């Protein structure tokens, strides 16, 4: 399922300019959100203040509205579905992530 998740995430990377990097080992992954892929300027800096987290907070809020709860830290969104997940459920999760990332795409340059 980790390889399938990577394959699905590659499609999201092509669609969303806010994804600066995707790291995944097995079923434990991390999306890094950036304002600019070339410079890798993060959506929220390391040790971000609450005001610097506004973009990420919008994305995380949308994830929750759509039914996905995950751990987020600064400009990182961690993805760790249950190990019993199937392809259909991964697809559903990718759709949710894609919808939420539309908010972050607006801030990319």
PDB file of N, CA and C in Angstrom:
ATOM      1  N   UNK A   1       0.810  -1.190   0.000  1.00  0.00           N
ATOM      2  CA  UNK A   1       0.000   0.000   0.000  1.00  0.00           C
ATOM      3  C   UNK A   1       0.863   1.268   0.000  1.00  0.00           C
ATOM      4  N   UNK A   2       2.069   1.168   0.558  1.00  0.00           N
ATOM      5  CA  UNK A   2       2.975   2.322   0.557  1.00  0.00           C
ATOM      6  C   UNK A   2       3.361   2.738  -0.857  1.00  0.00           C
ATOM      7  N   UNK A   3       3.623   1.760  -1.700  1.00  0.00           N
ATOM      8  CA  UNK A   3       3.972   2.044  -3.096  1.00  0.00           C
ATOM      9  C   UNK A   3       2.764   2.642  -3.816  1.00  0.00           C
ATOM     10  N   UNK A   4       1.580   2.125  -3.549  1.00  0.00           N
ATOM     11  CA  UNK A   4       0.366   2.662  -4.159  1.00  0.00           C
ATOM     12  C   UNK A   4       0.144   4.109  -3.692  1.00  0.00           C
ATOM     13  N   UNK A   5       0.370   4.366  -2.430  1.00  0.00           N
ATOM     14  CA  UNK A   5       0.240   5.725  -1.899  1.00  0.00           C
ATOM     15  C   UNK A   5       1.215   6.664  -2.602  1.00  0.00           C
ATOM     16  N   UNK A   6       2.455   6.222  -2.800  1.00  0.00           N
ATOM     17  CA  UNK A   6       3.445   7.038  -3.521  1.00  0.00           C
ATOM     18  C   UNK A   6       2.974   7.358  -4.935  1.00  0.00           C
ATOM     19  N   UNK A   7       2.405   6.364  -5.609  1.00  0.00           N
ATOM     20  CA  UNK A   7       1.908   6.553  -6.974  1.00  0.00           C
ATOM     21  C   UNK A   7       0.794   7.601  -6.998  1.00  0.00           C
ATOM     22  N   UNK A   8      -0.120   7.498  -6.060  1.00  0.00           N
ATOM     23  CA  UNK A   8      -1.218   8.471  -5.977  1.00  0.00           C
ATOM     24  C   UNK A   8      -0.691   9.863  -5.630  1.00  0.00           C
ATOM     25  N   UNK A   9       0.287   9.922  -4.752  1.00  0.00           N
ATOM     26  CA  UNK A   9       0.824  11.210  -4.336  1.00  0.00           C
ATOM     27  C   UNK A   9       1.543  11.901  -5.487  1.00  0.00           C
ATOM     28  N   UNK A  10       2.173  11.140  -6.364  1.00  0.00           N
ATOM     29  CA  UNK A  10       2.843  11.745  -7.527  1.00  0.00           C
ATOM     30  C   UNK A  10       1.845  12.508  -8.385  1.00  0.00           C
ATOM     31  N   UNK A  11       0.628  12.000  -8.501  1.00  0.00           N
ATOM     32  CA  UNK A  11      -0.416  12.711  -9.238  1.00  0.00           C
ATOM     33  C   UNK A  11      -0.775  14.018  -8.548  1.00  0.00           C
ATOM     34  N   UNK A  12      -0.831  13.991  -7.214  1.00  0.00           N
ATOM     35  CA  UNK A  12      -1.123  15.222  -6.470  1.00  0.00           C
ATOM     36  C   UNK A  12       0.005  16.241  -6.610  1.00  0.00           C
ATOM     37  N   UNK A  13       1.228  15.757  -6.627  1.00  0.00           N
ATOM     38  CA  UNK A  13       2.376  16.656  -6.791  1.00  0.00           C
ATOM     39  C   UNK A  13       2.294  17.379  -8.130  1.00  0.00           C
ATOM     40  N   UNK A  14       1.906  16.668  -9.168  1.00  0.00           N
ATOM     41  CA  UNK A  14       1.749  17.287 -10.487  1.00  0.00           C
ATOM     42  C   UNK A  14       0.632  18.325 -10.493  1.00  0.00           C
ATOM     43  N   UNK A  15      -0.384  18.104  -9.692  1.00  0.00           N
ATOM     44  CA  UNK A  15      -1.564  18.984  -9.675  1.00  0.00           C
ATOM     45  C   UNK A  15      -1.397  20.207  -8.773  1.00  0.00           C
ATOM     46  N   UNK A  16      -0.663  20.056  -7.672  1.00  0.00           N
ATOM     47  CA  UNK A  16      -0.612  21.109  -6.653  1.00  0.00           C
ATOM     48  C   UNK A  16       0.793  21.703  -6.521  1.00  0.00           C
ATOM     49  N   UNK A  17       0.963  22.963  -6.905  1.00  0.00           N
ATOM     50  CA  UNK A  17       2.275  23.606  -6.793  1.00  0.00           C
ATOM     51  C   UNK A  17       2.716  23.837  -5.345  1.00  0.00           C
ATOM     52  N   UNK A  18       1.809  23.699  -4.398  1.00  0.00           N
ATOM     53  CA  UNK A  18       2.165  23.912  -2.993  1.00  0.00           C
ATOM     54  C   UNK A  18       2.921  22.736  -2.390  1.00  0.00           C
ATOM     55  N   UNK A  19       2.958  21.597  -3.068  1.00  0.00           N
ATOM     56  CA  UNK A  19       3.688  20.437  -2.536  1.00  0.00           C
ATOM     57  C   UNK A  19       5.150  20.576  -2.937  1.00  0.00           C
ATOM     58  N   UNK A  20       5.993  20.829  -1.951  1.00  0.00           N
ATOM     59  CA  UNK A  20       7.420  20.952  -2.204  1.00  0.00           C
ATOM     60  C   UNK A  20       8.137  19.626  -2.146  1.00  0.00           C
ATOM     61  N   UNK A  21       7.615  18.715  -1.329  1.00  0.00           N
ATOM     62  CA  UNK A  21       8.253  17.409  -1.203  1.00  0.00           C
ATOM     63  C   UNK A  21       7.270  16.428  -0.574  1.00  0.00           C
ATOM     64  N   UNK A  22       7.479  15.169  -0.866  1.00  0.00           N
ATOM     65  CA  UNK A  22       6.725  14.058  -0.277  1.00  0.00           C
ATOM     66  C   UNK A  22       7.739  13.023   0.148  1.00  0.00           C
ATOM     67  N   UNK A  23       7.711  12.658   1.408  1.00  0.00           N
ATOM     68  CA  UNK A  23       8.576  11.615   1.929  1.00  0.00           C
ATOM     69  C   UNK A  23       7.692  10.531   2.531  1.00  0.00           C
ATOM     70  N   UNK A  24       8.026   9.285   2.259  1.00  0.00           N
ATOM     71  CA  UNK A  24       7.188   8.189   2.720  1.00  0.00           C
ATOM     72  C   UNK A  24       8.025   6.947   2.939  1.00  0.00           C
ATOM     73  N   UNK A  25       7.807   6.303   4.059  1.00  0.00           N
ATOM     74  CA  UNK A  25       8.393   4.996   4.343  1.00  0.00           C
ATOM     75  C   UNK A  25       7.224   4.108   4.752  1.00  0.00           C
ATOM     76  N   UNK A  26       6.941   3.124   3.925  1.00  0.00           N
ATOM     77  CA  UNK A  26       5.800   2.259   4.213  1.00  0.00           C
ATOM     78  C   UNK A  26       4.517   3.061   4.172  1.00  0.00           C
ATOM     79  N   UNK A  27       3.843   3.145   5.289  1.00  0.00           N
ATOM     80  CA  UNK A  27       2.589   3.893   5.361  1.00  0.00           C
ATOM     81  C   UNK A  27       2.710   5.130   6.242  1.00  0.00           C
ATOM     82  N   UNK A  28       3.906   5.605   6.426  1.00  0.00           N
ATOM     83  CA  UNK A  28       4.145   6.811   7.213  1.00  0.00           C
ATOM     84  C   UNK A  28       4.777   7.854   6.304  1.00  0.00           C
ATOM     85  N   UNK A  29       4.007   8.899   5.971  1.00  0.00           N
ATOM     86  CA  UNK A  29       4.481   9.887   5.017  1.00  0.00           C
ATOM     87  C   UNK A  29       4.332  11.305   5.511  1.00  0.00           C
ATOM     88  N   UNK A  30       4.960  12.214   4.781  1.00  0.00           N
ATOM     89  CA  UNK A  30       4.939  13.620   5.153  1.00  0.00           C
ATOM     90  C   UNK A  30       4.929  14.489   3.899  1.00  0.00           C
ATOM     91  N   UNK A  31       3.950  15.380   3.831  1.00  0.00           N
ATOM     92  CA  UNK A  31       3.882  16.383   2.776  1.00  0.00           C
ATOM     93  C   UNK A  31       4.540  17.660   3.286  1.00  0.00           C
ATOM     94  N   UNK A  32       5.392  18.232   2.486  1.00  0.00           N
ATOM     95  CA  UNK A  32       6.001  19.511   2.838  1.00  0.00           C
ATOM     96  C   UNK A  32       5.378  20.569   1.931  1.00  0.00           C
ATOM     97  N   UNK A  33       4.717  21.553   2.534  1.00  0.00           N
ATOM     98  CA  UNK A  33       4.057  22.595   1.769  1.00  0.00           C
ATOM     99  C   UNK A  33       4.956  23.819   1.641  1.00  0.00           C
ATOM    100  N   UNK A  34       5.071  24.312   0.410  1.00  0.00           N
ATOM    101  CA  UNK A  34       5.949  25.448   0.123  1.00  0.00           C
ATOM    102  C   UNK A  34       5.197  26.510  -0.674  1.00  0.00           C
ATOM    103  N   UNK A  35       5.694  27.724  -0.590  1.00  0.00           N
ATOM    104  CA  UNK A  35       5.151  28.814  -1.393  1.00  0.00           C
ATOM    105  C   UNK A  35       5.746  28.804  -2.794  1.00  0.00           C
ATOM    106  N   UNK A  36       6.970  28.277  -2.902  1.00  0.00           N
ATOM    107  CA  UNK A  36       7.673  28.264  -4.187  1.00  0.00           C
ATOM    108  C   UNK A  36       8.519  26.990  -4.255  1.00  0.00           C
ATOM    109  N   UNK A  37       8.274  26.165  -5.245  1.00  0.00           N
ATOM    110  CA  UNK A  37       9.025  24.907  -5.369  1.00  0.00           C
ATOM    111  C   UNK A  37      10.495  25.134  -5.686  1.00  0.00           C
ATOM    112  N   UNK A  38      10.794  26.187  -6.434  1.00  0.00           N
ATOM    113  CA  UNK A  38      12.191  26.437  -6.806  1.00  0.00           C
ATOM    114  C   UNK A  38      13.032  26.852  -5.602  1.00  0.00           C
ATOM    115  N   UNK A  39      12.498  27.723  -4.771  1.00  0.00           N
ATOM    116  CA  UNK A  39      13.255  28.213  -3.614  1.00  0.00           C
ATOM    117  C   UNK A  39      13.003  27.387  -2.361  1.00  0.00           C
ATOM    118  N   UNK A  40      11.947  26.554  -2.397  1.00  0.00           N
ATOM    119  CA  UNK A  40      11.526  25.738  -1.243  1.00  0.00           C
ATOM    120  C   UNK A  40      11.124  26.603  -0.040  1.00  0.00           C
ATOM    121  N   UNK A  41      10.666  27.833  -0.301  1.00  0.00           N
ATOM    122  CA  UNK A  41      10.197  28.691   0.792  1.00  0.00           C
ATOM    123  C   UNK A  41       8.982  28.030   1.437  1.00  0.00           C
ATOM    124  N   UNK A  42       9.050  27.726   2.732  1.00  0.00           N
ATOM    125  CA  UNK A  42       7.954  26.997   3.379  1.00  0.00           C
ATOM    126  C   UNK A  42       6.701  27.852   3.543  1.00  0.00           C
ATOM    127  N   UNK A  43       5.557  27.195   3.576  1.00  0.00           N
ATOM    128  CA  UNK A  43       4.286  27.885   3.843  1.00  0.00           C
ATOM    129  C   UNK A  43       4.271  28.458   5.255  1.00  0.00           C
ATOM    130  N   UNK A  44       4.975  27.808   6.153  1.00  0.00           N
ATOM    131  CA  UNK A  44       5.115  28.288   7.529  1.00  0.00           C
ATOM    132  C   UNK A  44       6.555  27.974   7.957  1.00  0.00           C
ATOM    133  N   UNK A  45       7.259  28.958   8.480  1.00  0.00           N
ATOM    134  CA  UNK A  45       8.655  28.723   8.851  1.00  0.00           C
ATOM    135  C   UNK A  45       8.792  27.850  10.099  1.00  0.00           C
ATOM    136  N   UNK A  46       9.997  27.346  10.298  1.00  0.00           N
ATOM    137  CA  UNK A  46      10.324  26.590  11.509  1.00  0.00           C
ATOM    138  C   UNK A  46      10.038  27.473  12.721  1.00  0.00           C
ATOM    139  N   UNK A  47       9.404  26.920  13.727  1.00  0.00           N
ATOM    140  CA  UNK A  47       9.003  27.645  14.937  1.00  0.00           C
ATOM    141  C   UNK A  47       8.069  28.809  14.622  1.00  0.00           C
ATOM    142  N   UNK A  48       7.166  28.597  13.700  1.00  0.00           N
ATOM    143  CA  UNK A  48       6.235  29.633  13.260  1.00  0.00           C
ATOM    144  C   UNK A  48       5.378  30.149  14.414  1.00  0.00           C
ATOM    145  N   UNK A  49       5.128  31.439  14.366  1.00  0.00           N
ATOM    146  CA  UNK A  49       4.205  32.053  15.317  1.00  0.00           C
ATOM    147  C   UNK A  49       2.783  31.762  14.846  1.00  0.00           C
ATOM    148  N   UNK A  50       1.793  31.938  15.694  1.00  0.00           N
ATOM    149  CA  UNK A  50       0.411  31.674  15.255  1.00  0.00           C
ATOM    150  C   UNK A  50       0.018  32.452  13.996  1.00  0.00           C
ATOM    151  N   UNK A  51       0.467  33.687  13.872  1.00  0.00           N
ATOM    152  CA  UNK A  51       0.104  34.465  12.689  1.00  0.00           C
ATOM    153  C   UNK A  51       0.764  33.917  11.422  1.00  0.00           C
ATOM    154  N   UNK A  52       1.911  33.274  11.559  1.00  0.00           N
ATOM    155  CA  UNK A  52       2.602  32.685  10.411  1.00  0.00           C
ATOM    156  C   UNK A  52       2.001  31.339  10.007  1.00  0.00           C
ATOM    157  N   UNK A  53       1.097  30.837  10.817  1.00  0.00           N
ATOM    158  CA  UNK A  53       0.465  29.536  10.554  1.00  0.00           C
ATOM    159  C   UNK A  53      -0.884  29.666   9.853  1.00  0.00           C
ATOM    160  N   UNK A  54      -1.267  30.864   9.453  1.00  0.00           N
ATOM    161  CA  UNK A  54      -2.624  31.072   8.936  1.00  0.00           C
ATOM    162  C   UNK A  54      -2.931  30.197   7.716  1.00  0.00           C
ATOM    163  N   UNK A  55      -2.007  30.087   6.779  1.00  0.00           N
ATOM    164  CA  UNK A  55      -2.261  29.281   5.578  1.00  0.00           C
ATOM    165  C   UNK A  55      -2.424  27.810   5.956  1.00  0.00           C
ATOM    166  N   UNK A  56      -1.485  27.318   6.751  1.00  0.00           N
ATOM    167  CA  UNK A  56      -1.536  25.907   7.156  1.00  0.00           C
ATOM    168  C   UNK A  56      -2.796  25.631   7.966  1.00  0.00           C
ATOM    169  N   UNK A  57      -3.157  26.558   8.839  1.00  0.00           N
ATOM    170  CA  UNK A  57      -4.372  26.369   9.636  1.00  0.00           C
ATOM    171  C   UNK A  57      -5.612  26.269   8.757  1.00  0.00           C
ATOM    172  N   UNK A  58      -5.652  27.018   7.660  1.00  0.00           N
ATOM    173  CA  UNK A  58      -6.780  26.921   6.729  1.00  0.00           C
ATOM    174  C   UNK A  58      -6.824  25.532   6.081  1.00  0.00           C
ATOM    175  N   UNK A  59      -5.663  25.058   5.666  1.00  0.00           N
ATOM    176  CA  UNK A  59      -5.595  23.734   5.027  1.00  0.00           C
ATOM    177  C   UNK A  59      -6.017  22.651   6.020  1.00  0.00           C
ATOM    178  N   UNK A  60      -5.476  22.703   7.221  1.00  0.00           N
ATOM    179  CA  UNK A  60      -5.807  21.699   8.238  1.00  0.00           C
ATOM    180  C   UNK A  60      -7.286  21.779   8.610  1.00  0.00           C
ATOM    181  N   UNK A  61      -7.817  22.991   8.694  1.00  0.00           N
ATOM    182  CA  UNK A  61      -9.241  23.152   8.974  1.00  0.00           C
ATOM    183  C   UNK A  61     -10.099  22.504   7.903  1.00  0.00           C
ATOM    184  N   UNK A  62      -9.707  22.675   6.650  1.00  0.00           N
ATOM    185  CA  UNK A  62     -10.448  22.063   5.550  1.00  0.00           C
ATOM    186  C   UNK A  62     -10.325  20.540   5.586  1.00  0.00           C
ATOM    187  N   UNK A  63      -9.138  20.032   5.903  1.00  0.00           N
ATOM    188  CA  UNK A  63      -8.982  18.578   6.047  1.00  0.00           C
ATOM    189  C   UNK A  63      -9.967  18.038   7.078  1.00  0.00           C
ATOM    190  N   UNK A  64     -10.077  18.741   8.195  1.00  0.00           N
ATOM    191  CA  UNK A  64     -10.968  18.273   9.268  1.00  0.00           C
ATOM    192  C   UNK A  64     -12.426  18.353   8.851  1.00  0.00           C
ATOM    193  N   UNK A  65     -12.802  19.435   8.181  1.00  0.00           N
ATOM    194  CA  UNK A  65     -14.180  19.565   7.693  1.00  0.00           C
ATOM    195  C   UNK A  65     -14.514  18.401   6.763  1.00  0.00           C
ATOM    196  N   UNK A  66     -13.537  18.000   5.949  1.00  0.00           N
ATOM    197  CA  UNK A  66     -13.748  16.909   4.988  1.00  0.00           C
ATOM    198  C   UNK A  66     -13.607  15.518   5.616  1.00  0.00           C
ATOM    199  N   UNK A  67     -13.268  15.467   6.910  1.00  0.00           N
ATOM    200  CA  UNK A  67     -13.252  14.189   7.622  1.00  0.00           C
ATOM    201  C   UNK A  67     -11.900  13.546   7.826  1.00  0.00           C
ATOM    202  N   UNK A  68     -10.807  14.284   7.599  1.00  0.00           N
ATOM    203  CA  UNK A  68      -9.482  13.718   7.798  1.00  0.00           C
ATOM    204  C   UNK A  68      -8.794  14.403   8.982  1.00  0.00           C
ATOM    205  N   UNK A  69      -8.317  13.607   9.890  1.00  0.00           N
ATOM    206  CA  UNK A  69      -7.610  14.132  11.049  1.00  0.00           C
ATOM    207  C   UNK A  69      -6.177  13.604  11.009  1.00  0.00           C
ATOM    208  N   UNK A  70      -5.226  14.511  11.025  1.00  0.00           N
ATOM    209  CA  UNK A  70      -3.819  14.107  10.964  1.00  0.00           C
ATOM    210  C   UNK A  70      -2.964  15.087  11.750  1.00  0.00           C
ATOM    211  N   UNK A  71      -1.724  14.731  11.922  1.00  0.00           N
ATOM    212  CA  UNK A  71      -0.783  15.561  12.653  1.00  0.00           C
ATOM    213  C   UNK A  71      -0.147  16.554  11.691  1.00  0.00           C
ATOM    214  N   UNK A  72      -0.049  17.796  12.125  1.00  0.00           N
ATOM    215  CA  UNK A  72       0.570  18.850  11.327  1.00  0.00           C
ATOM    216  C   UNK A  72       1.537  19.614  12.210  1.00  0.00           C
ATOM    217  N   UNK A  73       2.673  19.948  11.640  1.00  0.00           N
ATOM    218  CA  UNK A  73       3.663  20.749  12.361  1.00  0.00           C
ATOM    219  C   UNK A  73       4.293  21.703  11.359  1.00  0.00           C
ATOM    220  N   UNK A  74       4.183  22.991  11.634  1.00  0.00           N
ATOM    221  CA  UNK A  74       4.676  24.042  10.744  1.00  0.00           C
ATOM    222  C   UNK A  74       4.167  23.815   9.328  1.00  0.00           C
ATOM    223  N   UNK A  75       5.029  23.587   8.365  1.00  0.00           N
ATOM    224  CA  UNK A  75       4.567  23.405   6.987  1.00  0.00           C
ATOM    225  C   UNK A  75       4.505  21.929   6.583  1.00  0.00           C
ATOM    226  N   UNK A  76       4.467  21.041   7.554  1.00  0.00           N
ATOM    227  CA  UNK A  76       4.428  19.600   7.286  1.00  0.00           C
ATOM    228  C   UNK A  76       3.062  19.027   7.646  1.00  0.00           C
ATOM    229  N   UNK A  77       2.530  18.229   6.745  1.00  0.00           N
ATOM    230  CA  UNK A  77       1.305  17.484   7.015  1.00  0.00           C
ATOM    231  C   UNK A  77       1.675  16.009   6.963  1.00  0.00           C
ATOM    232  N   UNK A  78       1.493  15.331   8.074  1.00  0.00           N
ATOM    233  CA  UNK A  78       1.864  13.924   8.183  1.00  0.00           C
ATOM    234  C   UNK A  78       0.677  13.050   7.789  1.00  0.00           C
ATOM    235  N   UNK A  79       0.967  12.017   7.027  1.00  0.00           N
ATOM    236  CA  UNK A  79      -0.053  11.107   6.519  1.00  0.00           C
ATOM    237  C   UNK A  79       0.302   9.704   7.002  1.00  0.00           C
ATOM    238  N   UNK A  80      -0.579   9.124   7.802  1.00  0.00           N
ATOM    239  CA  UNK A  80      -0.316   7.786   8.339  1.00  0.00           C
ATOM    240  C   UNK A  80      -1.646   7.044   8.496  1.00  0.00           C
ATOM    241  N   UNK A  81      -2.168   6.510   7.388  1.00  0.00           N
ATOM    242  CA  UNK A  81      -3.434   5.775   7.479  1.00  0.00           C
ATOM    243  C   UNK A  81      -3.251   4.453   8.227  1.00  0.00           C
ATOM    244  N   UNK A  82      -4.356   3.852   8.631  1.00  0.00           N
ATOM    245  CA  UNK A  82      -4.252   2.542   9.283  1.00  0.00           C
ATOM    246  C   UNK A  82      -3.585   1.533   8.349  1.00  0.00           C
ATOM    247  N   UNK A  83      -2.882   0.591   8.896  1.00  0.00           N
ATOM    248  CA  UNK A  83      -2.175  -0.390   8.080  1.00  0.00           C
ATOM    249  C   UNK A  83      -3.100  -1.353   7.354  1.00  0.00           C
ATOM    250  N   UNK A  84      -4.383  -1.340   7.693  1.00  0.00           N
ATOM    251  CA  UNK A  84      -5.352  -2.203   7.009  1.00  0.00           C
ATOM    252  C   UNK A  84      -6.067  -1.461   5.875  1.00  0.00           C
ATOM    253  N   UNK A  85      -5.582  -0.291   5.512  1.00  0.00           N
ATOM    254  CA  UNK A  85      -6.203   0.531   4.473  1.00  0.00           C
ATOM    255  C   UNK A  85      -6.145  -0.179   3.118  1.00  0.00           C
ATOM    256  N   UNK A  86      -7.146   0.086   2.272  1.00  0.00           N
ATOM    257  CA  UNK A  86      -7.144  -0.495   0.932  1.00  0.00           C
ATOM    258  C   UNK A  86      -7.041   0.622  -0.114  1.00  0.00           C
ATOM    259  N   UNK A  87      -6.950   0.251  -1.383  1.00  0.00           N
ATOM    260  CA  UNK A  87      -6.754   1.235  -2.450  1.00  0.00           C
ATOM    261  C   UNK A  87      -7.896   2.237  -2.532  1.00  0.00           C
ATOM    262  N   UNK A  88      -9.110   1.765  -2.358  1.00  0.00           N
ATOM    263  CA  UNK A  88     -10.269   2.661  -2.406  1.00  0.00           C
ATOM    264  C   UNK A  88     -10.180   3.727  -1.306  1.00  0.00           C
ATOM    265  N   UNK A  89      -9.792   3.312  -0.111  1.00  0.00           N
ATOM    266  CA  UNK A  89      -9.679   4.252   1.008  1.00  0.00           C
ATOM    267  C   UNK A  89      -8.520   5.228   0.807  1.00  0.00           C
ATOM    268  N   UNK A  90      -7.430   4.754   0.226  1.00  0.00           N
ATOM    269  CA  UNK A  90      -6.322   5.658  -0.096  1.00  0.00           C
ATOM    270  C   UNK A  90      -6.791   6.692  -1.117  1.00  0.00           C
ATOM    271  N   UNK A  91      -7.540   6.261  -2.105  1.00  0.00           N
ATOM    272  CA  UNK A  91      -8.086   7.187  -3.096  1.00  0.00           C
ATOM    273  C   UNK A  91      -8.982   8.237  -2.462  1.00  0.00           C
ATOM    274  N   UNK A  92      -9.812   7.811  -1.533  1.00  0.00           N
ATOM    275  CA  UNK A  92     -10.682   8.749  -0.819  1.00  0.00           C
ATOM    276  C   UNK A  92      -9.850   9.762  -0.036  1.00  0.00           C
ATOM    277  N   UNK A  93      -8.802   9.278   0.622  1.00  0.00           N
ATOM    278  CA  UNK A  93      -7.916  10.176   1.370  1.00  0.00           C
ATOM    279  C   UNK A  93      -7.198  11.152   0.464  1.00  0.00           C
ATOM    280  N   UNK A  94      -6.749  10.688  -0.692  1.00  0.00           N
ATOM    281  CA  UNK A  94      -6.063  11.574  -1.640  1.00  0.00           C
ATOM    282  C   UNK A  94      -7.005  12.651  -2.165  1.00  0.00           C
ATOM    283  N   UNK A  95      -8.267  12.293  -2.383  1.00  0.00           N
ATOM    284  CA  UNK A  95      -9.250  13.290  -2.815  1.00  0.00           C
ATOM    285  C   UNK A  95      -9.440  14.370  -1.757  1.00  0.00           C
ATOM    286  N   UNK A  96      -9.501  13.962  -0.509  1.00  0.00           N
ATOM    287  CA  UNK A  96      -9.651  14.921   0.592  1.00  0.00           C
ATOM    288  C   UNK A  96      -8.431  15.843   0.658  1.00  0.00           C
ATOM    289  N   UNK A  97      -7.245  15.257   0.590  1.00  0.00           N
ATOM    290  CA  UNK A  97      -6.022  16.062   0.638  1.00  0.00           C
ATOM    291  C   UNK A  97      -5.986  17.034  -0.534  1.00  0.00           C
ATOM    292  N   UNK A  98      -6.345  16.561  -1.714  1.00  0.00           N
ATOM    293  CA  UNK A  98      -6.316  17.409  -2.901  1.00  0.00           C
ATOM    294  C   UNK A  98      -7.252  18.609  -2.752  1.00  0.00           C
ATOM    295  N   UNK A  99      -8.444  18.380  -2.248  1.00  0.00           N
ATOM    296  CA  UNK A  99      -9.395  19.482  -2.045  1.00  0.00           C
ATOM    297  C   UNK A  99      -8.848  20.500  -1.055  1.00  0.00           C
ATOM    298  N   UNK A 100      -8.238  20.045   0.016  1.00  0.00           N
ATOM    299  CA  UNK A 100      -7.701  20.964   1.022  1.00  0.00           C
ATOM    300  C   UNK A 100      -6.494  21.736   0.490  1.00  0.00           C
ATOM    301  N   UNK A 101      -5.681  21.092  -0.337  1.00  0.00           N
ATOM    302  CA  UNK A 101      -4.487  21.754  -0.858  1.00  0.00           C
ATOM    303  C   UNK A 101      -4.808  22.874  -1.840  1.00  0.00           C
ATOM    304  N   UNK A 102      -6.017  22.888  -2.376  1.00  0.00           N
ATOM    305  CA  UNK A 102      -6.408  23.989  -3.259  1.00  0.00           C
ATOM    306  C   UNK A 102      -6.277  25.333  -2.546  1.00  0.00           C
ATOM    307  N   UNK A 103      -6.502  25.337  -1.234  1.00  0.00           N
ATOM    308  CA  UNK A 103      -6.357  26.567  -0.455  1.00  0.00           C
ATOM    309  C   UNK A 103      -4.909  27.032  -0.418  1.00  0.00           C
ATOM    310  N   UNK A 104      -3.985  26.108  -0.259  1.00  0.00           N
ATOM    311  CA  UNK A 104      -2.561  26.455  -0.198  1.00  0.00           C
ATOM    312  C   UNK A 104      -2.028  26.861  -1.576  1.00  0.00           C
ATOM    313  N   UNK A 105      -2.578  26.266  -2.635  1.00  0.00           N
ATOM    314  CA  UNK A 105      -2.131  26.601  -3.996  1.00  0.00           C
ATOM    315  C   UNK A 105      -2.277  28.090  -4.296  1.00  0.00           C
ATOM    316  N   UNK A 106      -3.266  28.712  -3.689  1.00  0.00           N
ATOM    317  CA  UNK A 106      -3.525  30.133  -3.922  1.00  0.00           C
ATOM    318  C   UNK A 106      -2.345  31.015  -3.472  1.00  0.00           C
ATOM    319  N   UNK A 107      -1.525  30.512  -2.570  1.00  0.00           N
ATOM    320  CA  UNK A 107      -0.427  31.298  -2.007  1.00  0.00           C
ATOM    321  C   UNK A 107       0.918  31.005  -2.687  1.00  0.00           C
ATOM    322  N   UNK A 108       0.906  30.159  -3.697  1.00  0.00           N
ATOM    323  CA  UNK A 108       2.149  29.795  -4.397  1.00  0.00           C
ATOM    324  C   UNK A 108       2.481  30.818  -5.463  1.00  0.00           C
ATOM    325  N   UNK A 109       3.774  30.983  -5.683  1.00  0.00           N
ATOM    326  CA  UNK A 109       4.226  31.866  -6.766  1.00  0.00           C
ATOM    327  C   UNK A 109       5.389  31.245  -7.493  1.00  0.00           C
TER     328      UNK A 109
END
